[in-house]
C-alpha atoms as a PDB file:
ATOM      1  CA  MET A   1     -24.661  33.218  14.926  1.00  0.00           C
ATOM      2  CA  GLU A   2     -27.587  31.136  12.774  1.00  0.00           C
ATOM      3  CA  ALA A   3     -25.696  31.850   9.569  1.00  0.00           C
ATOM      4  CA  LEU A   4     -22.896  30.003  11.292  1.00  0.00           C
ATOM      5  CA  ALA A   5     -24.831  27.331  12.218  1.00  0.00           C
ATOM      6  CA  ALA A   6     -26.272  26.843   8.920  1.00  0.00           C
ATOM      7  CA  LEU A   7     -23.075  26.478   7.135  1.00  0.00           C
ATOM      8  CA  SER A   8     -21.987  23.625   9.753  1.00  0.00           C
ATOM      9  CA  VAL A   9     -25.278  21.605   8.526  1.00  0.00           C
ATOM     10  CA  ALA A  10     -24.573  22.199   5.348  1.00  0.00           C
ATOM     11  CA  ALA A  11     -21.208  21.169   5.259  1.00  0.00           C
ATOM     12  CA  SER A  12     -21.978  18.352   7.315  1.00  0.00           C
ATOM     13  CA  ALA A  13     -24.677  17.353   4.777  1.00  0.00           C
ATOM     14  CA  VAL A  14     -22.181  17.778   1.677  1.00  0.00           C
ATOM     15  CA  GLN A  15     -19.704  15.266   3.979  1.00  0.00           C
ATOM     16  CA  PHE A  16     -22.643  12.882   4.180  1.00  0.00           C
ATOM     17  CA  VAL A  17     -23.551  13.135   0.365  1.00  0.00           C
ATOM     18  CA  THR A  18     -19.649  12.557  -0.505  1.00  0.00           C
ATOM     19  CA  PHE A  19     -19.395   9.705   1.664  1.00  0.00           C
ATOM     20  CA  ALA A  20     -22.566   8.207   0.974  1.00  0.00           C
ATOM     21  CA  SER A  21     -21.715   8.618  -2.945  1.00  0.00           C
ATOM     22  CA  SER A  22     -18.287   6.921  -2.596  1.00  0.00           C
ATOM     23  CA  LEU A  23     -19.943   3.873  -0.785  1.00  0.00           C
ATOM     24  CA  VAL A  24     -22.497   3.057  -3.278  1.00  0.00           C
ATOM     25  CA  SER A  25     -19.797   3.448  -6.153  1.00  0.00           C
ATOM     26  CA  ASN A  26     -17.768   0.938  -4.456  1.00  0.00           C
ATOM     27  CA  VAL A  27     -20.715  -1.261  -3.702  1.00  0.00           C
ATOM     28  CA  ALA A  28     -21.945  -1.410  -7.202  1.00  0.00           C
ATOM     29  CA  GLU A  29     -18.215  -1.758  -8.200  1.00  0.00           C
ATOM     30  CA  ILE A  30     -17.355  -4.768  -5.697  1.00  0.00           C
ATOM     31  CA  ASN A  31     -20.848  -6.385  -6.614  1.00  0.00           C
ATOM     32  CA  ASP A  32     -19.826  -5.988 -10.448  1.00  0.00           C
ATOM     33  CA  SER A  33     -16.246  -7.743  -9.911  1.00  0.00           C
ATOM     34  CA  SER A  34     -15.511 -11.208 -10.287  1.00  0.00           C
ATOM     35  CA  ARG A  35     -12.626 -10.835  -7.599  1.00  0.00           C
ATOM     36  CA  GLY A  36     -15.087  -9.157  -5.110  1.00  0.00           C
ATOM     37  CA  THR A  37     -13.129  -5.926  -4.563  1.00  0.00           C
ATOM     38  CA  THR A  38     -12.487  -2.378  -6.627  1.00  0.00           C
ATOM     39  CA  GLY A  39      -9.901  -1.818  -9.412  1.00  0.00           C
ATOM     40  CA  ASN A  40      -7.610   0.188  -7.000  1.00  0.00           C
ATOM     41  CA  VAL A  41      -7.308  -2.678  -4.494  1.00  0.00           C
ATOM     42  CA  LEU A  42      -6.684  -4.941  -6.859  1.00  0.00           C
ATOM     43  CA  SER A  43      -3.893  -2.824  -8.447  1.00  0.00           C
ATOM     44  CA  LEU A  44      -2.541  -1.988  -5.240  1.00  0.00           C
ATOM     45  CA  GLU A  45      -2.110  -5.823  -4.344  1.00  0.00           C
ATOM     46  CA  VAL A  46      -0.503  -6.590  -7.868  1.00  0.00           C
ATOM     47  CA  ILE A  47       2.028  -3.638  -7.590  1.00  0.00           C
ATOM     48  CA  HIS A  48       2.709  -4.508  -3.872  1.00  0.00           C
ATOM     49  CA  LYS A  49       3.099  -8.128  -4.091  1.00  0.00           C
ATOM     50  CA  ARG A  50       5.949  -7.340  -7.104  1.00  0.00           C
ATOM     51  CA  LEU A  51       7.663  -4.767  -4.830  1.00  0.00           C
ATOM     52  CA  ALA A  52       7.907  -7.509  -2.119  1.00  0.00           C
ATOM     53  CA  GLU A  53       9.451  -9.787  -4.010  1.00  0.00           C
ATOM     54  CA  VAL A  54      11.982  -7.292  -5.715  1.00  0.00           C
ATOM     55  CA  LEU A  55      12.405  -5.992  -1.860  1.00  0.00           C
ATOM     56  CA  LYS A  56      13.451  -9.651  -0.710  1.00  0.00           C
ATOM     57  CA  ALA A  57      15.836 -10.032  -3.554  1.00  0.00           C
ATOM     58  CA  LEU A  58      17.405  -6.341  -1.879  1.00  0.00           C
ATOM     59  CA  ALA A  59      17.552  -7.163   1.702  1.00  0.00           C
ATOM     60  CA  PRO A  60      18.253 -11.306   1.869  1.00  0.00           C
ATOM     61  CA  ASP A  61      17.660 -12.670   5.100  1.00  0.00           C
ATOM     62  CA  SER A  62      21.329 -14.438   4.789  1.00  0.00           C
ATOM     63  CA  PRO A  63      24.222 -13.184   4.883  1.00  0.00           C
ATOM     64  CA  PRO A  64      26.218 -11.635   1.674  1.00  0.00           C
ATOM     65  CA  ASP A  65      27.930 -14.065  -0.095  1.00  0.00           C
ATOM     66  CA  SER A  66      31.681 -15.162  -0.432  1.00  0.00           C
ATOM     67  CA  GLU A  67      31.868 -12.992  -4.064  1.00  0.00           C
ATOM     68  CA  ALA A  68      30.779 -10.030  -2.581  1.00  0.00           C
ATOM     69  CA  ALA A  69      33.477 -10.262   0.327  1.00  0.00           C
ATOM     70  CA  THR A  70      36.439 -10.694  -2.054  1.00  0.00           C
ATOM     71  CA  GLU A  71      36.021  -6.991  -3.211  1.00  0.00           C
ATOM     72  CA  THR A  72      38.944  -4.787  -2.891  1.00  0.00           C
ATOM     73  CA  HIS A  73      39.023  -2.805   0.379  1.00  0.00           C
ATOM     74  CA  GLU A  74      38.572   0.725  -1.466  1.00  0.00           C
ATOM     75  CA  GLU A  75      35.465  -0.207  -3.267  1.00  0.00           C
ATOM     76  CA  GLU A  76      34.398  -1.855  -0.078  1.00  0.00           C
ATOM     77  CA  SER A  77      34.356   1.419   1.862  1.00  0.00           C
ATOM     78  CA  ARG A  78      32.524   3.368  -0.858  1.00  0.00           C
ATOM     79  CA  ILE A  79      29.658   0.658  -1.368  1.00  0.00           C
ATOM     80  CA  ALA A  80      29.284  -0.805   2.306  1.00  0.00           C
ATOM     81  CA  PRO A  81      27.346   2.093   3.949  1.00  0.00           C
ATOM     82  CA  SER A  82      25.184   1.953   0.713  1.00  0.00           C
ATOM     83  CA  THR A  83      24.772  -1.222   0.897  1.00  0.00           C
ATOM     84  CA  LYS A  84      23.796  -1.227   4.449  1.00  0.00           C
ATOM     85  CA  ALA A  85      21.359   1.463   3.700  1.00  0.00           C
ATOM     86  CA  ILE A  86      19.857  -0.419   0.761  1.00  0.00           C
ATOM     87  CA  ARG A  87      19.080  -3.552   3.023  1.00  0.00           C
ATOM     88  CA  GLU A  88      17.604  -1.346   5.725  1.00  0.00           C
ATOM     89  CA  LEU A  89      15.113   0.614   3.312  1.00  0.00           C
ATOM     90  CA  ALA A  90      14.203  -2.758   1.476  1.00  0.00           C
ATOM     91  CA  ARG A  91      13.388  -3.998   4.887  1.00  0.00           C
ATOM     92  CA  ILE A  92      11.439  -1.335   5.879  1.00  0.00           C
ATOM     93  CA  CYS A  93       9.868  -1.494   2.329  1.00  0.00           C
ATOM     94  CA  GLY A  94       9.105  -4.872   2.601  1.00  0.00           C
ATOM     95  CA  ASP A  95       7.377  -4.967   6.295  1.00  0.00           C
ATOM     96  CA  ASP A  96       5.040  -1.729   4.682  1.00  0.00           C
ATOM     97  CA  CYS A  97       4.289  -3.919   1.791  1.00  0.00           C
ATOM     98  CA  GLU A  98       3.553  -6.741   3.960  1.00  0.00           C
ATOM     99  CA  ARG A  99       1.291  -4.110   6.039  1.00  0.00           C
ATOM    100  CA  LEU A 100      -0.303  -2.881   2.769  1.00  0.00           C
ATOM    101  CA  LEU A 101      -0.772  -6.515   1.332  1.00  0.00           C
ATOM    102  CA  SER A 102      -2.670  -7.381   4.942  1.00  0.00           C
ATOM    103  CA  VAL A 103      -5.106  -4.585   4.302  1.00  0.00           C
ATOM    104  CA  THR A 104      -5.874  -5.082   0.797  1.00  0.00           C
ATOM    105  CA  LYS A 105      -6.938  -9.069   1.865  1.00  0.00           C
ATOM    106  CA  LYS A 106      -9.254  -7.491   4.394  1.00  0.00           C
ATOM    107  CA  LEU A 107     -11.154  -5.617   1.461  1.00  0.00           C
ATOM    108  CA  LYS A 108     -12.157  -8.592  -0.747  1.00  0.00           C
ATOM    109  CA  ALA A 109     -15.434  -9.963  -0.556  1.00  0.00           C
ATOM    110  CA  ARG A 110     -15.949 -13.890   0.180  1.00  0.00           C
ATOM    111  CA  GLN A 111     -17.993 -15.245  -2.747  1.00  0.00           C
ATOM    112  CA  CYS A 112     -21.794 -15.685  -2.566  1.00  0.00           C
ATOM    113  CA  ASP A 113     -25.211 -15.358  -4.190  1.00  0.00           C
ATOM    114  CA  GLY A 114     -27.819 -12.913  -3.613  1.00  0.00           C
ATOM    115  CA  LEU A 115     -28.765 -10.579  -1.014  1.00  0.00           C
ATOM    116  CA  GLY A 116     -25.586 -12.019   1.114  1.00  0.00           C
ATOM    117  CA  ARG A 117     -23.418 -10.745  -1.634  1.00  0.00           C
ATOM    118  CA  GLN A 118     -25.276  -7.741  -1.673  1.00  0.00           C
ATOM    119  CA  TRP A 119     -24.626  -7.564   2.142  1.00  0.00           C
ATOM    120  CA  VAL A 120     -20.864  -8.507   1.791  1.00  0.00           C
ATOM    121  CA  GLY A 121     -20.250  -6.163  -0.954  1.00  0.00           C
ATOM    122  CA  PHE A 122     -22.070  -3.142   1.408  1.00  0.00           C
ATOM    123  CA  ARG A 123     -19.298  -4.123   4.231  1.00  0.00           C
ATOM    124  CA  VAL A 124     -16.316  -4.629   2.398  1.00  0.00           C
ATOM    125  CA  ALA A 125     -17.220  -0.836   0.686  1.00  0.00           C
ATOM    126  CA  LEU A 126     -17.555   0.365   4.096  1.00  0.00           C
ATOM    127  CA  LYS A 127     -14.420  -1.306   5.082  1.00  0.00           C
ATOM    128  CA  THR A 128     -12.713   0.199   1.796  1.00  0.00           C
ATOM    129  CA  LEU A 129     -13.485   3.556   2.896  1.00  0.00           C
ATOM    130  CA  TRP A 130     -12.720   3.306   6.488  1.00  0.00           C
ATOM    131  CA  LYS A 131      -9.120   2.215   5.487  1.00  0.00           C
ATOM    132  CA  ARG A 132      -8.620   4.629   2.855  1.00  0.00           C
ATOM    133  CA  GLU A 133      -6.395   6.880   5.268  1.00  0.00           C
ATOM    134  CA  GLU A 134      -4.226   4.215   6.335  1.00  0.00           C
ATOM    135  CA  VAL A 135      -3.590   2.528   3.019  1.00  0.00           C
ATOM    136  CA  LEU A 136      -2.738   6.154   1.930  1.00  0.00           C
ATOM    137  CA  ASP A 137      -0.374   6.306   4.568  1.00  0.00           C
ATOM    138  CA  LEU A 138       1.612   3.390   4.173  1.00  0.00           C
ATOM    139  CA  GLU A 139       1.632   4.343   0.286  1.00  0.00           C
ATOM    140  CA  ASN A 140       2.953   7.523   1.134  1.00  0.00           C
ATOM    141  CA  ARG A 141       5.476   6.011   3.556  1.00  0.00           C
ATOM    142  CA  LEU A 142       6.620   3.392   0.881  1.00  0.00           C
ATOM    143  CA  ALA A 143       7.103   6.144  -1.906  1.00  0.00           C
ATOM    144  CA  ARG A 144       9.407   7.892   0.278  1.00  0.00           C
ATOM    145  CA  ALA A 145      11.381   4.985   0.997  1.00  0.00           C
ATOM    146  CA  GLN A 146      11.299   3.907  -2.540  1.00  0.00           C
ATOM    147  CA  THR A 147      12.737   7.394  -3.516  1.00  0.00           C
ATOM    148  CA  THR A 148      15.650   7.102  -0.986  1.00  0.00           C
ATOM    149  CA  LEU A 149      16.396   3.475  -1.978  1.00  0.00           C
ATOM    150  CA  ILE A 150      16.578   4.194  -5.613  1.00  0.00           C
ATOM    151  CA  LEU A 151      19.305   7.106  -4.796  1.00  0.00           C
ATOM    152  CA  HIS A 152      21.480   4.420  -2.752  1.00  0.00           C
ATOM    153  CA  ILE A 153      21.236   2.032  -5.759  1.00  0.00           C
ATOM    154  CA  CYS A 154      22.073   5.168  -7.901  1.00  0.00           C
ATOM    155  CA  LYS A 155      25.078   5.882  -5.920  1.00  0.00           C
ATOM    156  CA  VAL A 156      26.253   1.989  -5.992  1.00  0.00           C
ATOM    157  CA  SER A 157      26.237   1.195  -9.475  1.00  0.00           C
ATOM    158  CA  GLY A 158      27.320   4.899 -10.072  1.00  0.00           C
END
């Protein structure tokens, strides 16, 4: 029983050291960054802003234009289900992109100098670690939806 308790303490110590190491690394990266965040957060922001633009083009808020309405009935019946699926998947992806961008917005330090900058960097690094699971979950949801979206686009174009 004592061996089990010792193993539990050792595992907790390793978890703490890993967390503290990540935190210190993120604080240093944030404080050295001119943008007040980690490179990973900046990358997420850029990629998902571009993705959101593409998704808006795939799922416009307005009804389809009259040119699409003039397609033959046979082609409509072949494309219509996929087109509906593309719009639905694009909307879902767009919503997840907006959520992810909302999270990344919170993971940026405001500009300040001296000790205040260190404290703000620490808080942002802590938020970054706390939000890691949420970000990963959103990225996974987006990846699954994008894969399905690509399949539907291939079906329509092929």
